[in-house]
C-alpha atoms as a PDB file:
ATOM      1  CA  VAL A   1       0.055   0.141  -0.108  1.00  0.00           C
ATOM      2  CA  LEU A   2       1.467   3.430  -1.028  1.00  0.00           C
ATOM      3  CA  ARG A   3       1.312   6.422   1.079  1.00  0.00           C
ATOM      4  CA  PRO A   4      -1.666   8.548   0.655  1.00  0.00           C
ATOM      5  CA  GLY A   5      -1.129  11.258  -2.283  1.00  0.00           C
ATOM      6  CA  LEU A   6       1.597   9.121  -3.885  1.00  0.00           C
ATOM      7  CA  THR A   7       1.063   7.881  -7.520  1.00  0.00           C
ATOM      8  CA  LEU A   8       3.798   5.422  -8.869  1.00  0.00           C
ATOM      9  CA  VAL A   9       4.339   4.423 -12.480  1.00  0.00           C
ATOM     10  CA  GLU A  10       6.347   1.310 -13.138  1.00  0.00           C
ATOM     11  CA  LYS A  11       7.250   0.822 -16.620  1.00  0.00           C
ATOM     12  CA  GLY A  12       8.095  -2.626 -17.584  1.00  0.00           C
ATOM     13  CA  PRO A  13       6.663  -5.622 -19.561  1.00  0.00           C
ATOM     14  CA  VAL A  14       3.553  -4.769 -17.971  1.00  0.00           C
ATOM     15  CA  THR A  15       3.198  -1.194 -16.984  1.00  0.00           C
ATOM     16  CA  ARG A  16       1.590  -0.442 -13.877  1.00  0.00           C
ATOM     17  CA  VAL A  17       0.052   2.687 -12.088  1.00  0.00           C
ATOM     18  CA  ALA A  18      -0.193   2.299  -8.458  1.00  0.00           C
ATOM     19  CA  ALA A  19      -1.894   4.580  -5.931  1.00  0.00           C
ATOM     20  CA  GLY A  20      -3.226   3.877  -2.444  1.00  0.00           C
ATOM     21  CA  SER A  21      -4.281   0.284  -2.191  1.00  0.00           C
ATOM     22  CA  HIS A  22      -4.916   0.056  -6.021  1.00  0.00           C
ATOM     23  CA  VAL A  23      -2.648  -0.974  -9.166  1.00  0.00           C
ATOM     24  CA  TYR A  24      -3.691  -0.419 -12.662  1.00  0.00           C
ATOM     25  CA  HIS A  25      -2.253  -2.698 -15.242  1.00  0.00           C
ATOM     26  CA  ALA A  26      -1.732  -1.796 -18.797  1.00  0.00           C
ATOM     27  CA  LEU A  27      -3.168  -4.142 -21.188  1.00  0.00           C
ATOM     28  CA  CYS A  28      -1.561  -2.531 -24.233  1.00  0.00           C
ATOM     29  CA  GLY A  29       2.090  -1.685 -25.342  1.00  0.00           C
ATOM     30  CA  GLY A  30       4.793  -4.218 -25.649  1.00  0.00           C
ATOM     31  CA  PRO A  31       8.396  -4.896 -26.922  1.00  0.00           C
ATOM     32  CA  VAL A  32       8.321  -1.801 -29.213  1.00  0.00           C
ATOM     33  CA  LEU A  33       8.414   0.210 -25.870  1.00  0.00           C
ATOM     34  CA  SER A  34      11.736  -1.392 -24.669  1.00  0.00           C
ATOM     35  CA  ARG A  35      13.793   1.058 -26.420  1.00  0.00           C
ATOM     36  CA  GLY A  36      15.810   4.287 -24.893  1.00  0.00           C
ATOM     37  CA  GLY A  37      13.541   7.314 -24.726  1.00  0.00           C
ATOM     38  CA  SER A  38      10.221   5.471 -24.401  1.00  0.00           C
ATOM     39  CA  GLY A  39      10.097   6.393 -20.577  1.00  0.00           C
ATOM     40  CA  ASP A  40      10.918   9.964 -21.525  1.00  0.00           C
ATOM     41  CA  LEU A  41       7.854  10.136 -23.951  1.00  0.00           C
ATOM     42  CA  LEU A  42       5.576   8.552 -21.193  1.00  0.00           C
ATOM     43  CA  ALA A  43       6.689  11.016 -18.794  1.00  0.00           C
ATOM     44  CA  GLY A  44       6.103  13.908 -21.176  1.00  0.00           C
ATOM     45  CA  LEU A  45       2.495  12.567 -21.780  1.00  0.00           C
ATOM     46  CA  ILE A  46       1.775  12.210 -18.081  1.00  0.00           C
ATOM     47  CA  GLY A  47       3.424  15.747 -17.317  1.00  0.00           C
ATOM     48  CA  GLY A  48       1.292  17.176 -19.942  1.00  0.00           C
ATOM     49  CA  LEU A  49      -1.914  15.675 -18.506  1.00  0.00           C
ATOM     50  CA  LEU A  50      -1.078  16.852 -14.946  1.00  0.00           C
ATOM     51  CA  ALA A  51      -0.483  20.341 -16.033  1.00  0.00           C
ATOM     52  CA  GLN A  52      -4.006  20.253 -17.458  1.00  0.00           C
ATOM     53  CA  ALA A  53      -5.530  18.604 -14.372  1.00  0.00           C
ATOM     54  CA  PRO A  54      -3.145  18.672 -11.460  1.00  0.00           C
ATOM     55  CA  ALA A  55      -5.985  17.457  -8.995  1.00  0.00           C
ATOM     56  CA  ASP A  56      -6.072  14.047 -10.364  1.00  0.00           C
ATOM     57  CA  PRO A  57      -2.684  12.524 -10.754  1.00  0.00           C
ATOM     58  CA  VAL A  58      -3.906   8.882 -10.821  1.00  0.00           C
ATOM     59  CA  LEU A  59      -5.974   9.596 -13.944  1.00  0.00           C
ATOM     60  CA  ALA A  60      -3.090  11.524 -15.663  1.00  0.00           C
ATOM     61  CA  ALA A  61      -0.818   8.599 -14.950  1.00  0.00           C
ATOM     62  CA  ALA A  62      -3.461   6.105 -16.164  1.00  0.00           C
ATOM     63  CA  ARG A  63      -4.310   8.091 -19.453  1.00  0.00           C
ATOM     64  CA  GLY A  64      -0.704   8.646 -20.354  1.00  0.00           C
ATOM     65  CA  VAL A  65       0.225   4.975 -19.850  1.00  0.00           C
ATOM     66  CA  MET A  66      -2.914   3.981 -21.969  1.00  0.00           C
ATOM     67  CA  TRP A  67      -2.128   6.276 -24.670  1.00  0.00           C
ATOM     68  CA  HIS A  68       1.413   5.406 -24.797  1.00  0.00           C
ATOM     69  CA  GLY A  69       0.572   1.634 -25.055  1.00  0.00           C
ATOM     70  CA  LEU A  70      -2.142   1.961 -27.609  1.00  0.00           C
ATOM     71  CA  ALA A  71       0.302   4.071 -29.845  1.00  0.00           C
ATOM     72  CA  ALA A  72       2.825   1.401 -29.514  1.00  0.00           C
ATOM     73  CA  ASP A  73       0.386  -1.135 -30.372  1.00  0.00           C
ATOM     74  CA  LEU A  74      -0.535   0.763 -33.439  1.00  0.00           C
ATOM     75  CA  LEU A  75       2.885   1.310 -34.291  1.00  0.00           C
ATOM     76  CA  ALA A  76       3.870  -2.271 -34.143  1.00  0.00           C
ATOM     77  CA  ARG A  77       0.781  -3.273 -36.081  1.00  0.00           C
ATOM     78  CA  GLU A  78       1.830  -1.305 -38.874  1.00  0.00           C
ATOM     79  CA  ARG A  79       5.750  -1.224 -38.794  1.00  0.00           C
ATOM     80  CA  GLY A  80       6.632  -4.122 -36.749  1.00  0.00           C
ATOM     81  CA  GLN A  81       8.598  -4.659 -33.450  1.00  0.00           C
ATOM     82  CA  VAL A  82      11.986  -3.970 -34.734  1.00  0.00           C
ATOM     83  CA  ALA A  83      13.759  -1.250 -36.763  1.00  0.00           C
ATOM     84  CA  VAL A  84      11.441   1.405 -35.200  1.00  0.00           C
ATOM     85  CA  ARG A  85      12.363   4.479 -33.233  1.00  0.00           C
ATOM     86  CA  VAL A  86      10.741   5.852 -29.999  1.00  0.00           C
ATOM     87  CA  THR A  87       9.835   9.117 -32.150  1.00  0.00           C
ATOM     88  CA  ASP A  88       7.788   6.930 -34.544  1.00  0.00           C
ATOM     89  CA  LEU A  89       5.256   6.633 -31.431  1.00  0.00           C
ATOM     90  CA  LEU A  90       4.438  10.358 -31.828  1.00  0.00           C
ATOM     91  CA  ASP A  91       2.958   9.575 -35.415  1.00  0.00           C
ATOM     92  CA  PHE A  92       0.488   7.222 -33.677  1.00  0.00           C
ATOM     93  CA  LEU A  93      -0.528   9.247 -30.633  1.00  0.00           C
ATOM     94  CA  PRO A  94      -3.572  10.936 -32.639  1.00  0.00           C
ATOM     95  CA  ALA A  95      -5.048   7.491 -33.564  1.00  0.00           C
ATOM     96  CA  ALA A  96      -4.351   6.211 -30.104  1.00  0.00           C
ATOM     97  CA  LEU A  97      -6.286   8.939 -28.499  1.00  0.00           C
ATOM     98  CA  ARG A  98      -9.100   8.503 -30.904  1.00  0.00           C
ATOM     99  CA  LEU A  99      -9.255   4.781 -30.140  1.00  0.00           C
ATOM    100  CA  ALA A 100      -9.078   5.394 -26.388  1.00  0.00           C
ATOM    101  CA  ALA A 101     -12.103   7.741 -26.622  1.00  0.00           C
ATOM    102  CA  GLU A 102     -14.333   5.180 -28.126  1.00  0.00           C
ATOM    103  CA  PRO A 103     -16.623   3.736 -25.578  1.00  0.00           C
ATOM    104  CA  ALA A 104     -16.926   0.356 -27.269  1.00  0.00           C
ATOM    105  CA  ALA A 105     -13.075   0.093 -27.346  1.00  0.00           C
ATOM    106  CA  ALA A 106     -11.861  -2.843 -25.096  1.00  0.00           C
ATOM    107  CA  PRO A 107     -10.317  -1.372 -21.832  1.00  0.00           C
ATOM    108  CA  ALA A 108      -6.529  -1.001 -22.180  1.00  0.00           C
ATOM    109  CA  LEU A 109      -6.107  -0.896 -18.238  1.00  0.00           C
ATOM    110  CA  SER A 110      -7.362  -3.443 -15.572  1.00  0.00           C
ATOM    111  CA  ALA A 111      -7.564  -2.623 -12.002  1.00  0.00           C
ATOM    112  CA  GLY A 112      -7.035  -4.597  -8.892  1.00  0.00           C
ATOM    113  CA  PRO A 113      -5.453  -4.378  -5.378  1.00  0.00           C
ATOM    114  CA  VAL A 114      -1.733  -4.134  -5.165  1.00  0.00           C
ATOM    115  CA  ALA A 115      -0.369  -7.609  -4.928  1.00  0.00           C
END
């Protein structure tokens, strides 16, 4: 259990957002994100979201992780897992945001207690 008010993003094979007694697991992303600079892009997304809504850091982190992972999935589907650059993710962010906004889209995060 994390201290109250603390939000943690753990980037790895399954990226997690932890807050309080809950952890959210990213169900998107993949090996295309295991490149130098991928975490920098994620931090920038989350930072931009925090600047817009500083009162909800958990939502900012979860949205950033989801958009980051969806963009990676779209990139991998179109260009494959190898010979891609982290900056290529930027080309797929608009489509990732549109996909995330669709109510019928499969959830990109699952929630549960911190293990």
